[in-house]
Amino acid sequence: MKSVPVISFEFFPPKTAEGQAKLREARRQLALHQPKFFSVTFGAGGSTRDRTMETVLEIRSEGFDAAPHISGISSSRDEIRQLLDAYQQHDIHHLVVLRGDLPSGEASVGDFRYANELVSFIREHSGDWFNIEVAAYPEFHPEAASPAADLANFKRKVEAGANSAITQYFYNVDAYFGFMEQCAGAGISIPVVPGVMPIYNYTQLARFSDVCGAEIPRWLRLRLQEYANDLPSLRALGMDVVTDVCERLLAAGAPGLHFYTLNQAGIISTILQRLPLPAAR
């Protein structure tokens, strides 16, 4: 029997009361699509630690699974230990574990240089309490020395105790399935859920993509540039492109979709309504 694809959504913790209200409304709309969980990001060096926790606890109070992000860069073992203990006290069993962004200047990297080190520490400290998601990069991490080195790094995270992975977003479906073939060849069998980035505006997407190494195909980049001053046309094109990516992923057996929401719901809801998924409740 074919399994139902898993849907999940990523939020960032809001800074203002207005942002909190906006997120609550987005969450209300996206909850209609029966997600497996909502994840909440963790600022560089734990800068949003308290707001991440507050957002996670609010989501859980509404009856949904919430997975806080946790990053190792600029964090000490004691800080991570305290954070894990707090999550366990709140009966949180799901984490998204990342290396985090490297600090600029002379700032300390902290006790964890790589995500696999953080995964290992979590397992040593908390055993199997947490379901651990890690990151995967079908178009390769921008700091990777080579595709082989990037795959080896991913395998180290799996061997350290990761249960599943969420990918960086991409618009080239072949990149994902090529990556999955490489994983199979390396003996990696955990579920790898594609990350999906809706297209809200060109400038924002180009900035994100330049930082994270996600490729915007030339034909798409030029079309988006053409519509730079025509937001309705740009978003209509974006919805068509992202819907097609999602349809092809699901048709070929991807285990689910993880949407980077930017705390917005409308475009994502439209895309989900177009897909062959269980109807929103």
C-alpha atoms as a PDB file:
ATOM      1  CA  MET A   1       0.000   0.000   0.000  1.00  0.00           C
ATOM      2  CA  LYS A   2       1.449   3.357  -1.038  1.00  0.00           C
ATOM      3  CA  SER A   3       2.180   5.645   1.923  1.00  0.00           C
ATOM      4  CA  VAL A   4       0.644   9.119   2.090  1.00  0.00           C
ATOM      5  CA  PRO A   5       3.271  11.858   1.538  1.00  0.00           C
ATOM      6  CA  VAL A   6       4.263  13.775   4.663  1.00  0.00           C
ATOM      7  CA  ILE A   7       3.667  17.534   4.613  1.00  0.00           C
ATOM      8  CA  SER A   8       5.453  19.903   6.996  1.00  0.00           C
ATOM      9  CA  PHE A   9       6.062  23.635   7.302  1.00  0.00           C
ATOM     10  CA  GLU A  10       8.918  25.800   8.575  1.00  0.00           C
ATOM     11  CA  PHE A  11       8.392  29.062  10.457  1.00  0.00           C
ATOM     12  CA  PHE A  12      10.720  31.606  12.023  1.00  0.00           C
ATOM     13  CA  PRO A  13       9.951  33.022  15.493  1.00  0.00           C
ATOM     14  CA  PRO A  14       8.375  36.486  15.150  1.00  0.00           C
ATOM     15  CA  LYS A  15       9.932  39.536  16.806  1.00  0.00           C
ATOM     16  CA  THR A  16       6.820  41.688  17.262  1.00  0.00           C
ATOM     17  CA  ALA A  17       3.195  41.373  18.315  1.00  0.00           C
ATOM     18  CA  GLU A  18       2.200  42.080  14.712  1.00  0.00           C
ATOM     19  CA  GLY A  19       4.477  39.291  13.547  1.00  0.00           C
ATOM     20  CA  GLN A  20       2.982  36.909  16.091  1.00  0.00           C
ATOM     21  CA  ALA A  21      -0.524  37.668  14.840  1.00  0.00           C
ATOM     22  CA  LYS A  22       0.574  37.154  11.237  1.00  0.00           C
ATOM     23  CA  LEU A  23       2.171  33.822  12.095  1.00  0.00           C
ATOM     24  CA  ARG A  24      -0.885  32.615  14.001  1.00  0.00           C
ATOM     25  CA  GLU A  25      -3.084  33.314  10.987  1.00  0.00           C
ATOM     26  CA  ALA A  26      -0.635  31.607   8.608  1.00  0.00           C
ATOM     27  CA  ARG A  27      -0.477  28.622  10.949  1.00  0.00           C
ATOM     28  CA  ARG A  28      -4.264  28.447  11.134  1.00  0.00           C
ATOM     29  CA  GLN A  29      -4.494  28.274   7.342  1.00  0.00           C
ATOM     30  CA  LEU A  30      -1.682  25.763   6.921  1.00  0.00           C
ATOM     31  CA  ALA A  31      -2.998  23.527   9.705  1.00  0.00           C
ATOM     32  CA  LEU A  32      -5.948  22.766   7.427  1.00  0.00           C
ATOM     33  CA  HIS A  33      -3.533  20.749   5.275  1.00  0.00           C
ATOM     34  CA  GLN A  34      -2.915  18.259   8.091  1.00  0.00           C
ATOM     35  CA  PRO A  35       0.864  18.660   8.428  1.00  0.00           C
ATOM     36  CA  LYS A  36       2.918  16.064  10.244  1.00  0.00           C
ATOM     37  CA  PHE A  37       4.742  18.861  12.051  1.00  0.00           C
ATOM     38  CA  PHE A  38       5.724  22.529  12.070  1.00  0.00           C
ATOM     39  CA  SER A  39       9.405  23.405  12.519  1.00  0.00           C
ATOM     40  CA  VAL A  40      10.707  26.644  14.056  1.00  0.00           C
ATOM     41  CA  THR A  41      14.095  28.124  13.212  1.00  0.00           C
ATOM     42  CA  PHE A  42      16.896  28.916  15.650  1.00  0.00           C
ATOM     43  CA  GLY A  43      18.865  32.132  15.135  1.00  0.00           C
ATOM     44  CA  ALA A  44      22.641  32.231  14.766  1.00  0.00           C
ATOM     45  CA  GLY A  45      24.335  31.343  18.026  1.00  0.00           C
ATOM     46  CA  GLY A  46      20.968  30.722  19.663  1.00  0.00           C
ATOM     47  CA  SER A  47      19.921  34.366  19.240  1.00  0.00           C
ATOM     48  CA  THR A  48      16.227  33.424  19.025  1.00  0.00           C
ATOM     49  CA  ARG A  49      16.397  30.669  21.652  1.00  0.00           C
ATOM     50  CA  ASP A  50      13.614  32.007  23.886  1.00  0.00           C
ATOM     51  CA  ARG A  51      11.359  33.004  20.988  1.00  0.00           C
ATOM     52  CA  THR A  52      11.924  29.625  19.338  1.00  0.00           C
ATOM     53  CA  MET A  53      10.826  27.893  22.533  1.00  0.00           C
ATOM     54  CA  GLU A  54       7.793  30.159  22.944  1.00  0.00           C
ATOM     55  CA  THR A  55       6.668  29.528  19.364  1.00  0.00           C
ATOM     56  CA  VAL A  56       7.168  25.766  19.684  1.00  0.00           C
ATOM     57  CA  LEU A  57       5.159  25.621  22.925  1.00  0.00           C
ATOM     58  CA  GLU A  58       2.343  27.677  21.403  1.00  0.00           C
ATOM     59  CA  ILE A  59       2.152  25.330  18.414  1.00  0.00           C
ATOM     60  CA  ARG A  60       2.049  22.322  20.736  1.00  0.00           C
ATOM     61  CA  SER A  61      -0.720  23.943  22.790  1.00  0.00           C
ATOM     62  CA  GLU A  62      -2.787  23.944  19.585  1.00  0.00           C
ATOM     63  CA  GLY A  63      -2.379  20.174  19.272  1.00  0.00           C
ATOM     64  CA  PHE A  64       0.370  19.960  16.636  1.00  0.00           C
ATOM     65  CA  ASP A  65       3.829  18.446  16.679  1.00  0.00           C
ATOM     66  CA  ALA A  66       6.510  21.134  16.684  1.00  0.00           C
ATOM     67  CA  ALA A  67      10.184  20.597  15.915  1.00  0.00           C
ATOM     68  CA  PRO A  68      12.562  23.298  17.120  1.00  0.00           C
ATOM     69  CA  HIS A  69      15.715  23.856  15.112  1.00  0.00           C
ATOM     70  CA  ILE A  70      18.957  23.624  17.040  1.00  0.00           C
ATOM     71  CA  SER A  71      22.356  24.672  15.684  1.00  0.00           C
ATOM     72  CA  GLY A  72      25.815  23.966  16.990  1.00  0.00           C
ATOM     73  CA  ILE A  73      27.834  26.921  15.715  1.00  0.00           C
ATOM     74  CA  SER A  74      28.660  29.433  18.476  1.00  0.00           C
ATOM     75  CA  SER A  75      27.096  27.125  21.079  1.00  0.00           C
ATOM     76  CA  SER A  76      28.832  25.395  23.968  1.00  0.00           C
ATOM     77  CA  ARG A  77      28.177  21.890  25.207  1.00  0.00           C
ATOM     78  CA  ASP A  78      26.653  23.293  28.381  1.00  0.00           C
ATOM     79  CA  GLU A  79      24.290  25.546  26.422  1.00  0.00           C
ATOM     80  CA  ILE A  80      23.148  22.679  24.204  1.00  0.00           C
ATOM     81  CA  ARG A  81      22.794  20.381  27.237  1.00  0.00           C
ATOM     82  CA  GLN A  82      20.551  22.922  28.969  1.00  0.00           C
ATOM     83  CA  LEU A  83      18.486  23.363  25.822  1.00  0.00           C
ATOM     84  CA  LEU A  84      18.011  19.608  25.389  1.00  0.00           C
ATOM     85  CA  ASP A  85      16.988  19.265  29.041  1.00  0.00           C
ATOM     86  CA  ALA A  86      14.425  22.046  28.610  1.00  0.00           C
ATOM     87  CA  TYR A  87      12.962  20.412  25.513  1.00  0.00           C
ATOM     88  CA  GLN A  88      12.724  17.085  27.321  1.00  0.00           C
ATOM     89  CA  GLN A  89      10.998  18.751  30.278  1.00  0.00           C
ATOM     90  CA  HIS A  90       8.410  20.086  27.833  1.00  0.00           C
ATOM     91  CA  ASP A  91       8.012  16.589  26.313  1.00  0.00           C
ATOM     92  CA  ILE A  92       9.336  17.689  22.935  1.00  0.00           C
ATOM     93  CA  HIS A  93      10.589  14.694  20.931  1.00  0.00           C
ATOM     94  CA  HIS A  94      11.422  16.186  17.526  1.00  0.00           C
ATOM     95  CA  LEU A  95      14.444  18.302  16.523  1.00  0.00           C
ATOM     96  CA  VAL A  96      15.859  19.748  13.314  1.00  0.00           C
ATOM     97  CA  VAL A  97      19.626  19.662  13.909  1.00  0.00           C
ATOM     98  CA  LEU A  98      21.890  21.932  11.850  1.00  0.00           C
ATOM     99  CA  ARG A  99      25.450  23.171  11.920  1.00  0.00           C
ATOM    100  CA  GLY A 100      24.322  26.783  11.617  1.00  0.00           C
ATOM    101  CA  ASP A 101      25.923  29.721   9.853  1.00  0.00           C
ATOM    102  CA  LEU A 102      29.609  30.326  10.454  1.00  0.00           C
ATOM    103  CA  PRO A 103      30.227  33.473  12.535  1.00  0.00           C
ATOM    104  CA  SER A 104      31.877  36.489  10.937  1.00  0.00           C
ATOM    105  CA  GLY A 105      35.065  38.087  12.195  1.00  0.00           C
ATOM    106  CA  GLU A 106      36.603  36.759  15.375  1.00  0.00           C
ATOM    107  CA  ALA A 107      33.458  35.244  16.898  1.00  0.00           C
ATOM    108  CA  SER A 108      33.877  31.771  18.383  1.00  0.00           C
ATOM    109  CA  VAL A 109      32.713  28.765  16.411  1.00  0.00           C
ATOM    110  CA  GLY A 110      31.819  27.052  19.676  1.00  0.00           C
ATOM    111  CA  ASP A 111      32.133  23.400  20.650  1.00  0.00           C
ATOM    112  CA  PHE A 112      30.503  21.970  17.512  1.00  0.00           C
ATOM    113  CA  ARG A 113      32.128  22.607  14.152  1.00  0.00           C
ATOM    114  CA  TYR A 114      29.915  20.207  12.202  1.00  0.00           C
ATOM    115  CA  ALA A 115      26.345  18.998  12.435  1.00  0.00           C
ATOM    116  CA  ASN A 116      27.380  15.365  12.891  1.00  0.00           C
ATOM    117  CA  GLU A 117      29.195  16.361  16.096  1.00  0.00           C
ATOM    118  CA  LEU A 118      25.996  17.943  17.404  1.00  0.00           C
ATOM    119  CA  VAL A 119      23.927  14.892  16.437  1.00  0.00           C
ATOM    120  CA  SER A 120      26.397  12.643  18.262  1.00  0.00           C
ATOM    121  CA  PHE A 121      26.252  14.841  21.357  1.00  0.00           C
ATOM    122  CA  ILE A 122      22.439  14.773  21.375  1.00  0.00           C
ATOM    123  CA  ARG A 123      22.445  10.981  21.154  1.00  0.00           C
ATOM    124  CA  GLU A 124      25.033  10.713  23.935  1.00  0.00           C
ATOM    125  CA  HIS A 125      23.047  13.037  26.174  1.00  0.00           C
ATOM    126  CA  SER A 126      19.450  12.072  25.358  1.00  0.00           C
ATOM    127  CA  GLY A 127      19.601   8.610  23.795  1.00  0.00           C
ATOM    128  CA  ASP A 128      16.639   7.949  21.532  1.00  0.00           C
ATOM    129  CA  TRP A 129      14.394  10.585  23.110  1.00  0.00           C
ATOM    130  CA  PHE A 130      14.524  12.816  20.030  1.00  0.00           C
ATOM    131  CA  ASN A 131      13.576  12.162  16.430  1.00  0.00           C
ATOM    132  CA  ILE A 132      16.395  14.004  14.652  1.00  0.00           C
ATOM    133  CA  GLU A 133      16.066  15.647  11.244  1.00  0.00           C
ATOM    134  CA  VAL A 134      19.214  16.893   9.511  1.00  0.00           C
ATOM    135  CA  ALA A 135      19.885  18.888   6.355  1.00  0.00           C
ATOM    136  CA  ALA A 136      20.693  17.475   2.920  1.00  0.00           C
ATOM    137  CA  TYR A 137      21.909  19.304  -0.177  1.00  0.00           C
ATOM    138  CA  PRO A 138      20.928  17.861  -3.585  1.00  0.00           C
ATOM    139  CA  GLU A 139      22.844  20.684  -5.312  1.00  0.00           C
ATOM    140  CA  PHE A 140      25.662  20.381  -2.764  1.00  0.00           C
ATOM    141  CA  HIS A 141      26.530  22.575   0.185  1.00  0.00           C
ATOM    142  CA  PRO A 142      28.183  25.809  -1.002  1.00  0.00           C
ATOM    143  CA  GLU A 143      31.210  25.114   1.231  1.00  0.00           C
ATOM    144  CA  ALA A 144      31.663  21.490   0.117  1.00  0.00           C
ATOM    145  CA  ALA A 145      35.048  20.700  -1.454  1.00  0.00           C
ATOM    146  CA  SER A 146      33.395  18.264  -3.894  1.00  0.00           C
ATOM    147  CA  PRO A 147      30.163  16.297  -4.414  1.00  0.00           C
ATOM    148  CA  ALA A 148      31.845  13.232  -2.884  1.00  0.00           C
ATOM    149  CA  ALA A 149      32.902  15.214   0.194  1.00  0.00           C
ATOM    150  CA  ASP A 150      29.377  16.573   0.577  1.00  0.00           C
ATOM    151  CA  LEU A 151      27.877  13.070   0.428  1.00  0.00           C
ATOM    152  CA  ALA A 152      30.436  11.827   2.957  1.00  0.00           C
ATOM    153  CA  ASN A 153      29.455  14.655   5.291  1.00  0.00           C
ATOM    154  CA  PHE A 154      25.791  13.733   4.975  1.00  0.00           C
ATOM    155  CA  LYS A 155      26.610  10.088   5.704  1.00  0.00           C
ATOM    156  CA  ARG A 156      28.452  11.123   8.884  1.00  0.00           C
ATOM    157  CA  LYS A 157      25.267  12.821  10.111  1.00  0.00           C
ATOM    158  CA  VAL A 158      23.254   9.685   9.375  1.00  0.00           C
ATOM    159  CA  GLU A 159      25.791   7.445  11.118  1.00  0.00           C
ATOM    160  CA  ALA A 160      25.790   9.800  14.116  1.00  0.00           C
ATOM    161  CA  GLY A 161      22.089   9.098  14.629  1.00  0.00           C
ATOM    162  CA  ALA A 162      19.894  11.147  12.278  1.00  0.00           C
ATOM    163  CA  ASN A 163      16.453   9.621  11.637  1.00  0.00           C
ATOM    164  CA  SER A 164      15.580  11.580   8.504  1.00  0.00           C
ATOM    165  CA  ALA A 165      16.563  14.628   6.476  1.00  0.00           C
ATOM    166  CA  ILE A 166      15.094  17.721   4.858  1.00  0.00           C
ATOM    167  CA  THR A 167      16.770  19.137   1.775  1.00  0.00           C
ATOM    168  CA  GLN A 168      17.739  22.631   0.830  1.00  0.00           C
ATOM    169  CA  TYR A 169      15.199  23.917  -1.691  1.00  0.00           C
ATOM    170  CA  PHE A 170      15.784  23.389  -5.407  1.00  0.00           C
ATOM    171  CA  TYR A 171      13.944  23.846  -8.704  1.00  0.00           C
ATOM    172  CA  ASN A 172      15.755  21.085 -10.605  1.00  0.00           C
ATOM    173  CA  VAL A 173      13.970  17.833  -9.780  1.00  0.00           C
ATOM    174  CA  ASP A 174      16.748  15.758 -11.367  1.00  0.00           C
ATOM    175  CA  ALA A 175      19.139  17.086  -8.711  1.00  0.00           C
ATOM    176  CA  TYR A 176      17.031  15.499  -5.971  1.00  0.00           C
ATOM    177  CA  PHE A 177      16.696  12.102  -7.615  1.00  0.00           C
ATOM    178  CA  GLY A 178      20.363  12.086  -8.598  1.00  0.00           C
ATOM    179  CA  PHE A 179      21.203  12.771  -4.951  1.00  0.00           C
ATOM    180  CA  MET A 180      18.929   9.940  -3.824  1.00  0.00           C
ATOM    181  CA  GLU A 181      20.717   7.548  -6.189  1.00  0.00           C
ATOM    182  CA  GLN A 182      24.034   8.625  -4.678  1.00  0.00           C
ATOM    183  CA  CYS A 183      22.632   8.062  -1.182  1.00  0.00           C
ATOM    184  CA  ALA A 184      21.501   4.556  -2.098  1.00  0.00           C
ATOM    185  CA  GLY A 185      24.935   3.796  -3.497  1.00  0.00           C
ATOM    186  CA  ALA A 186      26.502   4.968  -0.235  1.00  0.00           C
ATOM    187  CA  GLY A 187      24.198   2.804   1.874  1.00  0.00           C
ATOM    188  CA  ILE A 188      22.110   5.737   3.145  1.00  0.00           C
ATOM    189  CA  SER A 189      18.475   4.723   3.538  1.00  0.00           C
ATOM    190  CA  ILE A 190      16.836   7.313   5.825  1.00  0.00           C
ATOM    191  CA  PRO A 191      13.880   9.286   4.392  1.00  0.00           C
ATOM    192  CA  VAL A 192      14.984  12.495   2.657  1.00  0.00           C
ATOM    193  CA  VAL A 193      12.112  14.961   2.281  1.00  0.00           C
ATOM    194  CA  PRO A 194      12.460  17.665  -0.402  1.00  0.00           C
ATOM    195  CA  GLY A 195      12.462  21.242   0.848  1.00  0.00           C
ATOM    196  CA  VAL A 196      10.218  23.558  -1.179  1.00  0.00           C
ATOM    197  CA  MET A 197      10.609  27.334  -1.469  1.00  0.00           C
ATOM    198  CA  PRO A 198       7.605  29.201  -2.891  1.00  0.00           C
ATOM    199  CA  ILE A 199       8.458  32.195  -5.056  1.00  0.00           C
ATOM    200  CA  TYR A 200       7.329  35.449  -3.475  1.00  0.00           C
ATOM    201  CA  ASN A 201       9.592  37.934  -5.261  1.00  0.00           C
ATOM    202  CA  TYR A 202      12.711  37.732  -7.392  1.00  0.00           C
ATOM    203  CA  THR A 203      15.092  39.878  -5.333  1.00  0.00           C
ATOM    204  CA  GLN A 204      14.460  37.887  -2.172  1.00  0.00           C
ATOM    205  CA  LEU A 205      14.785  34.540  -3.918  1.00  0.00           C
ATOM    206  CA  ALA A 206      18.022  35.549  -5.662  1.00  0.00           C
ATOM    207  CA  ARG A 207      19.509  36.681  -2.346  1.00  0.00           C
ATOM    208  CA  PHE A 208      18.561  33.454  -0.564  1.00  0.00           C
ATOM    209  CA  SER A 209      19.853  31.340  -3.443  1.00  0.00           C
ATOM    210  CA  ASP A 210      23.196  33.122  -3.656  1.00  0.00           C
ATOM    211  CA  VAL A 211      23.789  32.443   0.045  1.00  0.00           C
ATOM    212  CA  CYS A 212      22.697  28.811   0.199  1.00  0.00           C
ATOM    213  CA  GLY A 213      23.883  27.618  -3.210  1.00  0.00           C
ATOM    214  CA  ALA A 214      20.449  26.734  -4.589  1.00  0.00           C
ATOM    215  CA  GLU A 215      20.373  27.106  -8.363  1.00  0.00           C
ATOM    216  CA  ILE A 216      17.720  29.166 -10.074  1.00  0.00           C
ATOM    217  CA  PRO A 217      17.694  27.714 -13.620  1.00  0.00           C
ATOM    218  CA  ARG A 218      18.596  30.323 -16.230  1.00  0.00           C
ATOM    219  CA  TRP A 219      15.212  30.165 -17.957  1.00  0.00           C
ATOM    220  CA  LEU A 220      13.419  30.720 -14.646  1.00  0.00           C
ATOM    221  CA  ARG A 221      15.761  33.500 -13.549  1.00  0.00           C
ATOM    222  CA  LEU A 222      15.186  35.390 -16.799  1.00  0.00           C
ATOM    223  CA  ARG A 223      11.408  34.972 -16.619  1.00  0.00           C
ATOM    224  CA  LEU A 224      11.363  36.186 -13.018  1.00  0.00           C
ATOM    225  CA  GLN A 225      13.525  39.164 -13.937  1.00  0.00           C
ATOM    226  CA  GLU A 226      11.085  39.959 -16.736  1.00  0.00           C
ATOM    227  CA  TYR A 227       8.240  40.074 -14.205  1.00  0.00           C
ATOM    228  CA  ALA A 228      10.219  41.936 -11.538  1.00  0.00           C
ATOM    229  CA  ASN A 229       7.784  44.872 -11.571  1.00  0.00           C
ATOM    230  CA  ASP A 230       4.678  42.760 -12.157  1.00  0.00           C
ATOM    231  CA  LEU A 231       4.184  40.923  -8.884  1.00  0.00           C
ATOM    232  CA  PRO A 232       0.898  39.156  -9.799  1.00  0.00           C
ATOM    233  CA  SER A 233       2.453  37.684 -12.964  1.00  0.00           C
ATOM    234  CA  LEU A 234       5.632  36.735 -11.107  1.00  0.00           C
ATOM    235  CA  ARG A 235       3.714  34.921  -8.381  1.00  0.00           C
ATOM    236  CA  ALA A 236       1.456  33.185 -10.913  1.00  0.00           C
ATOM    237  CA  LEU A 237       4.550  31.915 -12.736  1.00  0.00           C
ATOM    238  CA  GLY A 238       6.117  30.927  -9.424  1.00  0.00           C
ATOM    239  CA  MET A 239       3.068  28.937  -8.368  1.00  0.00           C
ATOM    240  CA  ASP A 240       3.039  27.078 -11.682  1.00  0.00           C
ATOM    241  CA  VAL A 241       6.752  26.278 -11.433  1.00  0.00           C
ATOM    242  CA  VAL A 242       6.651  25.149  -7.808  1.00  0.00           C
ATOM    243  CA  THR A 243       3.468  23.132  -8.327  1.00  0.00           C
ATOM    244  CA  ASP A 244       5.131  21.314 -11.227  1.00  0.00           C
ATOM    245  CA  VAL A 245       8.225  20.585  -9.098  1.00  0.00           C
ATOM    246  CA  CYS A 246       6.035  19.190  -6.299  1.00  0.00           C
ATOM    247  CA  GLU A 247       3.913  17.096  -8.676  1.00  0.00           C
ATOM    248  CA  ARG A 248       7.002  15.522 -10.233  1.00  0.00           C
ATOM    249  CA  LEU A 249       8.566  14.817  -6.852  1.00  0.00           C
ATOM    250  CA  LEU A 250       5.454  13.129  -5.494  1.00  0.00           C
ATOM    251  CA  ALA A 251       4.808  11.179  -8.714  1.00  0.00           C
ATOM    252  CA  ALA A 252       8.319   9.750  -8.569  1.00  0.00           C
ATOM    253  CA  GLY A 253       8.000   8.676  -4.951  1.00  0.00           C
ATOM    254  CA  ALA A 254       9.372  11.470  -2.763  1.00  0.00           C
ATOM    255  CA  PRO A 255       8.301  10.781   0.853  1.00  0.00           C
ATOM    256  CA  GLY A 256       6.795  14.217   1.339  1.00  0.00           C
ATOM    257  CA  LEU A 257       7.294  17.973   1.050  1.00  0.00           C
ATOM    258  CA  HIS A 258       8.671  20.476   3.568  1.00  0.00           C
ATOM    259  CA  PHE A 259       7.682  24.077   2.802  1.00  0.00           C
ATOM    260  CA  TYR A 260       9.824  27.062   3.760  1.00  0.00           C
ATOM    261  CA  THR A 261       6.897  29.354   4.498  1.00  0.00           C
ATOM    262  CA  LEU A 262       8.544  32.657   5.468  1.00  0.00           C
ATOM    263  CA  ASN A 263       5.533  32.829   7.813  1.00  0.00           C
ATOM    264  CA  GLN A 264       3.109  33.128   4.880  1.00  0.00           C
ATOM    265  CA  ALA A 265       0.320  30.764   3.881  1.00  0.00           C
ATOM    266  CA  GLY A 266      -1.597  31.930   0.800  1.00  0.00           C
ATOM    267  CA  ILE A 267       0.692  30.796  -2.021  1.00  0.00           C
ATOM    268  CA  ILE A 268       1.491  27.508  -0.278  1.00  0.00           C
ATOM    269  CA  SER A 269      -2.198  26.742   0.283  1.00  0.00           C
ATOM    270  CA  THR A 270      -2.883  27.312  -3.411  1.00  0.00           C
ATOM    271  CA  ILE A 271      -0.018  24.990  -4.400  1.00  0.00           C
ATOM    272  CA  LEU A 272      -1.210  22.271  -2.002  1.00  0.00           C
ATOM    273  CA  GLN A 273      -4.755  22.494  -3.334  1.00  0.00           C
ATOM    274  CA  ARG A 274      -3.391  21.735  -6.797  1.00  0.00           C
ATOM    275  CA  LEU A 275      -1.547  18.604  -5.680  1.00  0.00           C
ATOM    276  CA  PRO A 276      -2.896  15.027  -5.457  1.00  0.00           C
ATOM    277  CA  LEU A 277      -3.022  15.053  -1.660  1.00  0.00           C
ATOM    278  CA  PRO A 278      -5.759  14.419   0.921  1.00  0.00           C
ATOM    279  CA  ALA A 279      -8.204  17.306   0.950  1.00  0.00           C
ATOM    280  CA  ALA A 280      -7.707  20.049   3.511  1.00  0.00           C
ATOM    281  CA  ARG A 281     -10.028  19.602   6.457  1.00  0.00           C
END
